[in-house]
């Protein structure tokens, strides 16, 4: 069973913050989104939300709805959340 890597989404958040400061991380951000998308396939709603966030960022640099993603991740079974930290 794949375990969702929360660390990838955390990295996206940090890289987006650093990109606003001028660091050239656009492709790295998209790559992290894509990896998180791939790893979330077992959870269709979360997978779709990550995919939409990636596509919106890739198309125009939109910031994801972090609160919405956090709620979805919080609804994962407890053991999965513990294994992802």
PDB file of N, CA and C in Angstrom:
ATOM      1  N   UNK A   1       0.831  -1.182   0.000  1.00  0.00           N
ATOM      2  CA  UNK A   1       0.000   0.000   0.000  1.00  0.00           C
ATOM      3  C   UNK A   1       0.879   1.249   0.000  1.00  0.00           C
ATOM      4  N   UNK A   2       0.586   2.140  -0.921  1.00  0.00           N
ATOM      5  CA  UNK A   2       1.339   3.395  -0.968  1.00  0.00           C
ATOM      6  C   UNK A   2       0.932   4.273   0.204  1.00  0.00           C
ATOM      7  N   UNK A   3       1.858   5.007   0.716  1.00  0.00           N
ATOM      8  CA  UNK A   3       1.577   5.940   1.800  1.00  0.00           C
ATOM      9  C   UNK A   3       1.760   7.349   1.257  1.00  0.00           C
ATOM     10  N   UNK A   4       0.724   8.148   1.426  1.00  0.00           N
ATOM     11  CA  UNK A   4       0.759   9.520   0.933  1.00  0.00           C
ATOM     12  C   UNK A   4       1.892  10.290   1.586  1.00  0.00           C
ATOM     13  N   UNK A   5       2.664  10.967   0.782  1.00  0.00           N
ATOM     14  CA  UNK A   5       3.783  11.744   1.318  1.00  0.00           C
ATOM     15  C   UNK A   5       3.358  13.183   1.569  1.00  0.00           C
ATOM     16  N   UNK A   6       2.995  13.462   2.809  1.00  0.00           N
ATOM     17  CA  UNK A   6       2.641  14.816   3.215  1.00  0.00           C
ATOM     18  C   UNK A   6       3.842  15.736   3.016  1.00  0.00           C
ATOM     19  N   UNK A   7       5.027  15.156   3.132  1.00  0.00           N
ATOM     20  CA  UNK A   7       6.250  15.949   2.986  1.00  0.00           C
ATOM     21  C   UNK A   7       6.317  16.614   1.618  1.00  0.00           C
ATOM     22  N   UNK A   8       5.787  15.980   0.581  1.00  0.00           N
ATOM     23  CA  UNK A   8       5.811  16.581  -0.756  1.00  0.00           C
ATOM     24  C   UNK A   8       4.968  17.849  -0.796  1.00  0.00           C
ATOM     25  N   UNK A   9       3.785  17.799  -0.183  1.00  0.00           N
ATOM     26  CA  UNK A   9       2.941  18.994  -0.163  1.00  0.00           C
ATOM     27  C   UNK A   9       3.551  20.086   0.709  1.00  0.00           C
ATOM     28  N   UNK A  10       4.196  19.684   1.788  1.00  0.00           N
ATOM     29  CA  UNK A  10       4.886  20.674   2.625  1.00  0.00           C
ATOM     30  C   UNK A  10       6.010  21.330   1.837  1.00  0.00           C
ATOM     31  N   UNK A  11       6.731  20.534   1.052  1.00  0.00           N
ATOM     32  CA  UNK A  11       7.811  21.076   0.232  1.00  0.00           C
ATOM     33  C   UNK A  11       7.262  22.056  -0.801  1.00  0.00           C
ATOM     34  N   UNK A  12       6.109  21.735  -1.384  1.00  0.00           N
ATOM     35  CA  UNK A  12       5.479  22.644  -2.344  1.00  0.00           C
ATOM     36  C   UNK A  12       5.204  23.991  -1.671  1.00  0.00           C
ATOM     37  N   UNK A  13       4.655  23.949  -0.480  1.00  0.00           N
ATOM     38  CA  UNK A  13       4.336  25.188   0.258  1.00  0.00           C
ATOM     39  C   UNK A  13       5.594  26.023   0.482  1.00  0.00           C
ATOM     40  N   UNK A  14       6.661  25.386   0.935  1.00  0.00           N
ATOM     41  CA  UNK A  14       7.922  26.099   1.195  1.00  0.00           C
ATOM     42  C   UNK A  14       8.502  26.656  -0.103  1.00  0.00           C
ATOM     43  N   UNK A  15       8.525  25.834  -1.149  1.00  0.00           N
ATOM     44  CA  UNK A  15       9.090  26.276  -2.424  1.00  0.00           C
ATOM     45  C   UNK A  15       8.289  27.431  -3.023  1.00  0.00           C
ATOM     46  N   UNK A  16       6.951  27.395  -2.867  1.00  0.00           N
ATOM     47  CA  UNK A  16       6.138  28.495  -3.382  1.00  0.00           C
ATOM     48  C   UNK A  16       6.476  29.792  -2.643  1.00  0.00           C
ATOM     49  N   UNK A  17       6.698  29.690  -1.351  1.00  0.00           N
ATOM     50  CA  UNK A  17       7.078  30.861  -0.564  1.00  0.00           C
ATOM     51  C   UNK A  17       8.426  31.410  -1.036  1.00  0.00           C
ATOM     52  N   UNK A  18       9.373  30.520  -1.255  1.00  0.00           N
ATOM     53  CA  UNK A  18      10.698  30.949  -1.715  1.00  0.00           C
ATOM     54  C   UNK A  18      10.648  31.483  -3.147  1.00  0.00           C
ATOM     55  N   UNK A  19       9.769  30.928  -3.967  1.00  0.00           N
ATOM     56  CA  UNK A  19       9.639  31.421  -5.349  1.00  0.00           C
ATOM     57  C   UNK A  19       9.170  32.873  -5.348  1.00  0.00           C
ATOM     58  N   UNK A  20       8.268  33.213  -4.428  1.00  0.00           N
ATOM     59  CA  UNK A  20       7.802  34.611  -4.329  1.00  0.00           C
ATOM     60  C   UNK A  20       8.951  35.546  -3.973  1.00  0.00           C
ATOM     61  N   UNK A  21      10.003  34.994  -3.377  1.00  0.00           N
ATOM     62  CA  UNK A  21      11.176  35.795  -3.024  1.00  0.00           C
ATOM     63  C   UNK A  21      12.210  35.822  -4.154  1.00  0.00           C
ATOM     64  N   UNK A  22      11.873  35.188  -5.279  1.00  0.00           N
ATOM     65  CA  UNK A  22      12.745  35.269  -6.439  1.00  0.00           C
ATOM     66  C   UNK A  22      13.506  34.004  -6.805  1.00  0.00           C
ATOM     67  N   UNK A  23      13.377  32.956  -6.036  1.00  0.00           N
ATOM     68  CA  UNK A  23      14.075  31.712  -6.356  1.00  0.00           C
ATOM     69  C   UNK A  23      13.385  31.004  -7.525  1.00  0.00           C
ATOM     70  N   UNK A  24      14.144  30.423  -8.447  1.00  0.00           N
ATOM     71  CA  UNK A  24      13.580  29.815  -9.659  1.00  0.00           C
ATOM     72  C   UNK A  24      13.104  28.369  -9.430  1.00  0.00           C
ATOM     73  N   UNK A  25      12.024  28.192  -8.693  1.00  0.00           N
ATOM     74  CA  UNK A  25      11.589  26.845  -8.306  1.00  0.00           C
ATOM     75  C   UNK A  25      10.326  26.362  -9.019  1.00  0.00           C
ATOM     76  N   UNK A  26       9.868  27.017 -10.041  1.00  0.00           N
ATOM     77  CA  UNK A  26       8.594  26.658 -10.666  1.00  0.00           C
ATOM     78  C   UNK A  26       8.540  25.188 -11.057  1.00  0.00           C
ATOM     79  N   UNK A  27       9.535  24.694 -11.779  1.00  0.00           N
ATOM     80  CA  UNK A  27       9.510  23.307 -12.233  1.00  0.00           C
ATOM     81  C   UNK A  27       9.613  22.324 -11.069  1.00  0.00           C
ATOM     82  N   UNK A  28      10.356  22.679 -10.060  1.00  0.00           N
ATOM     83  CA  UNK A  28      10.476  21.820  -8.880  1.00  0.00           C
ATOM     84  C   UNK A  28       9.128  21.729  -8.155  1.00  0.00           C
ATOM     85  N   UNK A  29       8.410  22.835  -8.074  1.00  0.00           N
ATOM     86  CA  UNK A  29       7.089  22.851  -7.447  1.00  0.00           C
ATOM     87  C   UNK A  29       6.135  21.947  -8.206  1.00  0.00           C
ATOM     88  N   UNK A  30       6.118  22.085  -9.517  1.00  0.00           N
ATOM     89  CA  UNK A  30       5.247  21.249 -10.343  1.00  0.00           C
ATOM     90  C   UNK A  30       5.609  19.774 -10.166  1.00  0.00           C
ATOM     91  N   UNK A  31       6.888  19.464 -10.098  1.00  0.00           N
ATOM     92  CA  UNK A  31       7.331  18.081  -9.903  1.00  0.00           C
ATOM     93  C   UNK A  31       6.869  17.517  -8.570  1.00  0.00           C
ATOM     94  N   UNK A  32       6.959  18.314  -7.509  1.00  0.00           N
ATOM     95  CA  UNK A  32       6.498  17.850  -6.195  1.00  0.00           C
ATOM     96  C   UNK A  32       4.984  17.635  -6.201  1.00  0.00           C
ATOM     97  N   UNK A  33       4.254  18.552  -6.821  1.00  0.00           N
ATOM     98  CA  UNK A  33       2.809  18.374  -6.960  1.00  0.00           C
ATOM     99  C   UNK A  33       2.516  17.054  -7.680  1.00  0.00           C
ATOM    100  N   UNK A  34       3.239  16.810  -8.768  1.00  0.00           N
ATOM    101  CA  UNK A  34       2.999  15.607  -9.563  1.00  0.00           C
ATOM    102  C   UNK A  34       3.278  14.345  -8.743  1.00  0.00           C
ATOM    103  N   UNK A  35       4.344  14.340  -7.972  1.00  0.00           N
ATOM    104  CA  UNK A  35       4.650  13.185  -7.125  1.00  0.00           C
ATOM    105  C   UNK A  35       3.566  12.978  -6.067  1.00  0.00           C
ATOM    106  N   UNK A  36       3.110  14.058  -5.440  1.00  0.00           N
ATOM    107  CA  UNK A  36       2.045  13.939  -4.439  1.00  0.00           C
ATOM    108  C   UNK A  36       0.766  13.441  -5.094  1.00  0.00           C
ATOM    109  N   UNK A  37       0.509  13.902  -6.291  1.00  0.00           N
ATOM    110  CA  UNK A  37      -0.660  13.448  -7.052  1.00  0.00           C
ATOM    111  C   UNK A  37      -0.567  11.942  -7.304  1.00  0.00           C
ATOM    112  N   UNK A  38       0.584  11.495  -7.724  1.00  0.00           N
ATOM    113  CA  UNK A  38       0.794  10.071  -8.006  1.00  0.00           C
ATOM    114  C   UNK A  38       0.615   9.227  -6.745  1.00  0.00           C
ATOM    115  N   UNK A  39       1.154   9.697  -5.631  1.00  0.00           N
ATOM    116  CA  UNK A  39       1.102   8.930  -4.389  1.00  0.00           C
ATOM    117  C   UNK A  39      -0.278   8.938  -3.733  1.00  0.00           C
ATOM    118  N   UNK A  40      -1.162   9.818  -4.175  1.00  0.00           N
ATOM    119  CA  UNK A  40      -2.487   9.921  -3.553  1.00  0.00           C
ATOM    120  C   UNK A  40      -3.573   9.176  -4.330  1.00  0.00           C
ATOM    121  N   UNK A  41      -3.209   8.354  -5.277  1.00  0.00           N
ATOM    122  CA  UNK A  41      -4.194   7.697  -6.134  1.00  0.00           C
ATOM    123  C   UNK A  41      -5.178   6.803  -5.386  1.00  0.00           C
ATOM    124  N   UNK A  42      -4.805   6.321  -4.217  1.00  0.00           N
ATOM    125  CA  UNK A  42      -5.704   5.460  -3.442  1.00  0.00           C
ATOM    126  C   UNK A  42      -6.846   6.242  -2.807  1.00  0.00           C
ATOM    127  N   UNK A  43      -6.756   7.562  -2.786  1.00  0.00           N
ATOM    128  CA  UNK A  43      -7.773   8.416  -2.186  1.00  0.00           C
ATOM    129  C   UNK A  43      -8.285   9.359  -3.274  1.00  0.00           C
ATOM    130  N   UNK A  44      -9.317   8.943  -4.025  1.00  0.00           N
ATOM    131  CA  UNK A  44      -9.763   9.680  -5.216  1.00  0.00           C
ATOM    132  C   UNK A  44     -10.049  11.164  -5.008  1.00  0.00           C
ATOM    133  N   UNK A  45     -10.698  11.546  -3.911  1.00  0.00           N
ATOM    134  CA  UNK A  45     -11.010  12.963  -3.710  1.00  0.00           C
ATOM    135  C   UNK A  45      -9.746  13.776  -3.470  1.00  0.00           C
ATOM    136  N   UNK A  46      -8.842  13.250  -2.660  1.00  0.00           N
ATOM    137  CA  UNK A  46      -7.576  13.939  -2.403  1.00  0.00           C
ATOM    138  C   UNK A  46      -6.748  13.994  -3.682  1.00  0.00           C
ATOM    139  N   UNK A  47      -6.721  12.899  -4.415  1.00  0.00           N
ATOM    140  CA  UNK A  47      -5.980  12.834  -5.684  1.00  0.00           C
ATOM    141  C   UNK A  47      -6.482  13.918  -6.645  1.00  0.00           C
ATOM    142  N   UNK A  48      -7.810  14.025  -6.771  1.00  0.00           N
ATOM    143  CA  UNK A  48      -8.389  15.026  -7.671  1.00  0.00           C
ATOM    144  C   UNK A  48      -8.055  16.446  -7.210  1.00  0.00           C
ATOM    145  N   UNK A  49      -8.093  16.673  -5.903  1.00  0.00           N
ATOM    146  CA  UNK A  49      -7.786  18.011  -5.374  1.00  0.00           C
ATOM    147  C   UNK A  49      -6.327  18.387  -5.633  1.00  0.00           C
ATOM    148  N   UNK A  50      -5.415  17.442  -5.430  1.00  0.00           N
ATOM    149  CA  UNK A  50      -3.992  17.707  -5.686  1.00  0.00           C
ATOM    150  C   UNK A  50      -3.765  17.937  -7.177  1.00  0.00           C
ATOM    151  N   UNK A  51      -4.430  17.130  -8.002  1.00  0.00           N
ATOM    152  CA  UNK A  51      -4.302  17.286  -9.459  1.00  0.00           C
ATOM    153  C   UNK A  51      -4.784  18.678  -9.890  1.00  0.00           C
ATOM    154  N   UNK A  52      -5.935  19.094  -9.383  1.00  0.00           N
ATOM    155  CA  UNK A  52      -6.454  20.415  -9.738  1.00  0.00           C
ATOM    156  C   UNK A  52      -5.533  21.521  -9.248  1.00  0.00           C
ATOM    157  N   UNK A  53      -4.964  21.352  -8.064  1.00  0.00           N
ATOM    158  CA  UNK A  53      -4.028  22.346  -7.537  1.00  0.00           C
ATOM    159  C   UNK A  53      -2.793  22.436  -8.427  1.00  0.00           C
ATOM    160  N   UNK A  54      -2.293  21.272  -8.862  1.00  0.00           N
ATOM    161  CA  UNK A  54      -1.119  21.265  -9.745  1.00  0.00           C
ATOM    162  C   UNK A  54      -1.435  21.947 -11.068  1.00  0.00           C
ATOM    163  N   UNK A  55      -2.578  21.580 -11.651  1.00  0.00           N
ATOM    164  CA  UNK A  55      -2.943  22.151 -12.948  1.00  0.00           C
ATOM    165  C   UNK A  55      -3.135  23.667 -12.858  1.00  0.00           C
ATOM    166  N   UNK A  56      -3.765  24.127 -11.779  1.00  0.00           N
ATOM    167  CA  UNK A  56      -3.979  25.571 -11.604  1.00  0.00           C
ATOM    168  C   UNK A  56      -2.656  26.300 -11.425  1.00  0.00           C
ATOM    169  N   UNK A  57      -1.752  25.698 -10.661  1.00  0.00           N
ATOM    170  CA  UNK A  57      -0.434  26.323 -10.476  1.00  0.00           C
ATOM    171  C   UNK A  57       0.333  26.319 -11.794  1.00  0.00           C
ATOM    172  N   UNK A  58       0.295  25.195 -12.486  1.00  0.00           N
ATOM    173  CA  UNK A  58       1.040  25.054 -13.742  1.00  0.00           C
ATOM    174  C   UNK A  58       0.515  26.030 -14.797  1.00  0.00           C
ATOM    175  N   UNK A  59      -0.793  26.243 -14.826  1.00  0.00           N
ATOM    176  CA  UNK A  59      -1.387  27.126 -15.835  1.00  0.00           C
ATOM    177  C   UNK A  59      -1.185  28.605 -15.534  1.00  0.00           C
ATOM    178  N   UNK A  60      -1.236  28.972 -14.250  1.00  0.00           N
ATOM    179  CA  UNK A  60      -1.168  30.396 -13.967  1.00  0.00           C
ATOM    180  C   UNK A  60      -0.552  30.787 -12.642  1.00  0.00           C
ATOM    181  N   UNK A  61       0.048  29.832 -11.942  1.00  0.00           N
ATOM    182  CA  UNK A  61       0.710  30.153 -10.690  1.00  0.00           C
ATOM    183  C   UNK A  61      -0.222  30.295  -9.499  1.00  0.00           C
ATOM    184  N   UNK A  62      -1.449  29.742  -9.617  1.00  0.00           N
ATOM    185  CA  UNK A  62      -2.426  29.866  -8.534  1.00  0.00           C
ATOM    186  C   UNK A  62      -1.967  29.137  -7.275  1.00  0.00           C
ATOM    187  N   UNK A  63      -2.194  29.765  -6.138  1.00  0.00           N
ATOM    188  CA  UNK A  63      -1.884  29.151  -4.848  1.00  0.00           C
ATOM    189  C   UNK A  63      -2.987  28.161  -4.501  1.00  0.00           C
ATOM    190  N   UNK A  64      -2.611  26.943  -4.064  1.00  0.00           N
ATOM    191  CA  UNK A  64      -3.629  25.946  -3.728  1.00  0.00           C
ATOM    192  C   UNK A  64      -4.431  26.329  -2.487  1.00  0.00           C
ATOM    193  N   UNK A  65      -5.553  25.692  -2.335  1.00  0.00           N
ATOM    194  CA  UNK A  65      -6.372  25.837  -1.139  1.00  0.00           C
ATOM    195  C   UNK A  65      -5.768  24.913  -0.080  1.00  0.00           C
ATOM    196  N   UNK A  66      -4.785  25.407   0.659  1.00  0.00           N
ATOM    197  CA  UNK A  66      -4.079  24.573   1.638  1.00  0.00           C
ATOM    198  C   UNK A  66      -5.034  24.081   2.721  1.00  0.00           C
ATOM    199  N   UNK A  67      -5.982  24.917   3.127  1.00  0.00           N
ATOM    200  CA  UNK A  67      -6.916  24.509   4.181  1.00  0.00           C
ATOM    201  C   UNK A  67      -7.754  23.316   3.717  1.00  0.00           C
ATOM    202  N   UNK A  68      -8.218  23.364   2.476  1.00  0.00           N
ATOM    203  CA  UNK A  68      -9.010  22.260   1.934  1.00  0.00           C
ATOM    204  C   UNK A  68      -8.215  20.970   1.850  1.00  0.00           C
ATOM    205  N   UNK A  69      -6.962  21.075   1.404  1.00  0.00           N
ATOM    206  CA  UNK A  69      -6.110  19.884   1.345  1.00  0.00           C
ATOM    207  C   UNK A  69      -5.845  19.349   2.750  1.00  0.00           C
ATOM    208  N   UNK A  70      -5.654  20.254   3.701  1.00  0.00           N
ATOM    209  CA  UNK A  70      -5.405  19.841   5.078  1.00  0.00           C
ATOM    210  C   UNK A  70      -6.600  19.075   5.652  1.00  0.00           C
ATOM    211  N   UNK A  71      -7.799  19.540   5.352  1.00  0.00           N
ATOM    212  CA  UNK A  71      -9.002  18.848   5.826  1.00  0.00           C
ATOM    213  C   UNK A  71      -9.069  17.447   5.220  1.00  0.00           C
ATOM    214  N   UNK A  72      -8.807  17.334   3.924  1.00  0.00           N
ATOM    215  CA  UNK A  72      -8.847  16.023   3.272  1.00  0.00           C
ATOM    216  C   UNK A  72      -7.810  15.070   3.862  1.00  0.00           C
ATOM    217  N   UNK A  73      -6.627  15.568   4.105  1.00  0.00           N
ATOM    218  CA  UNK A  73      -5.567  14.744   4.686  1.00  0.00           C
ATOM    219  C   UNK A  73      -5.954  14.345   6.103  1.00  0.00           C
ATOM    220  N   UNK A  74      -6.566  15.268   6.835  1.00  0.00           N
ATOM    221  CA  UNK A  74      -7.002  14.973   8.193  1.00  0.00           C
ATOM    222  C   UNK A  74      -8.052  13.885   8.271  1.00  0.00           C
ATOM    223  N   UNK A  75      -8.764  13.673   7.174  1.00  0.00           N
ATOM    224  CA  UNK A  75      -9.802  12.641   7.140  1.00  0.00           C
ATOM    225  C   UNK A  75      -9.261  11.257   6.780  1.00  0.00           C
ATOM    226  N   UNK A  76      -7.966  11.170   6.452  1.00  0.00           N
ATOM    227  CA  UNK A  76      -7.375   9.857   6.163  1.00  0.00           C
ATOM    228  C   UNK A  76      -7.338   9.038   7.444  1.00  0.00           C
ATOM    229  N   UNK A  77      -7.369   7.713   7.308  1.00  0.00           N
ATOM    230  CA  UNK A  77      -7.267   6.884   8.516  1.00  0.00           C
ATOM    231  C   UNK A  77      -6.038   7.259   9.339  1.00  0.00           C
ATOM    232  N   UNK A  78      -6.166   7.224  10.664  1.00  0.00           N
ATOM    233  CA  UNK A  78      -5.122   7.652  11.583  1.00  0.00           C
ATOM    234  C   UNK A  78      -3.767   7.049  11.323  1.00  0.00           C
ATOM    235  N   UNK A  79      -3.704   5.755  11.020  1.00  0.00           N
ATOM    236  CA  UNK A  79      -2.412   5.103  10.812  1.00  0.00           C
ATOM    237  C   UNK A  79      -1.697   5.670   9.584  1.00  0.00           C
ATOM    238  N   UNK A  80      -2.436   6.007   8.541  1.00  0.00           N
ATOM    239  CA  UNK A  80      -1.811   6.577   7.345  1.00  0.00           C
ATOM    240  C   UNK A  80      -1.198   7.923   7.664  1.00  0.00           C
ATOM    241  N   UNK A  81      -1.922   8.752   8.435  1.00  0.00           N
ATOM    242  CA  UNK A  81      -1.374  10.066   8.808  1.00  0.00           C
ATOM    243  C   UNK A  81      -0.106   9.911   9.634  1.00  0.00           C
ATOM    244  N   UNK A  82      -0.099   8.937  10.549  1.00  0.00           N
ATOM    245  CA  UNK A  82       1.077   8.735  11.395  1.00  0.00           C
ATOM    246  C   UNK A  82       2.269   8.285  10.581  1.00  0.00           C
ATOM    247  N   UNK A  83       2.040   7.469   9.556  1.00  0.00           N
ATOM    248  CA  UNK A  83       3.143   6.954   8.740  1.00  0.00           C
ATOM    249  C   UNK A  83       3.698   7.988   7.772  1.00  0.00           C
ATOM    250  N   UNK A  84       3.009   9.097   7.577  1.00  0.00           N
ATOM    251  CA  UNK A  84       3.445  10.070   6.576  1.00  0.00           C
ATOM    252  C   UNK A  84       4.324  11.160   7.143  1.00  0.00           C
ATOM    253  N   UNK A  85       4.394  11.287   8.435  1.00  0.00           N
ATOM    254  CA  UNK A  85       5.167  12.373   9.034  1.00  0.00           C
ATOM    255  C   UNK A  85       6.626  11.999   9.135  1.00  0.00           C
TER     256      UNK A  85
END
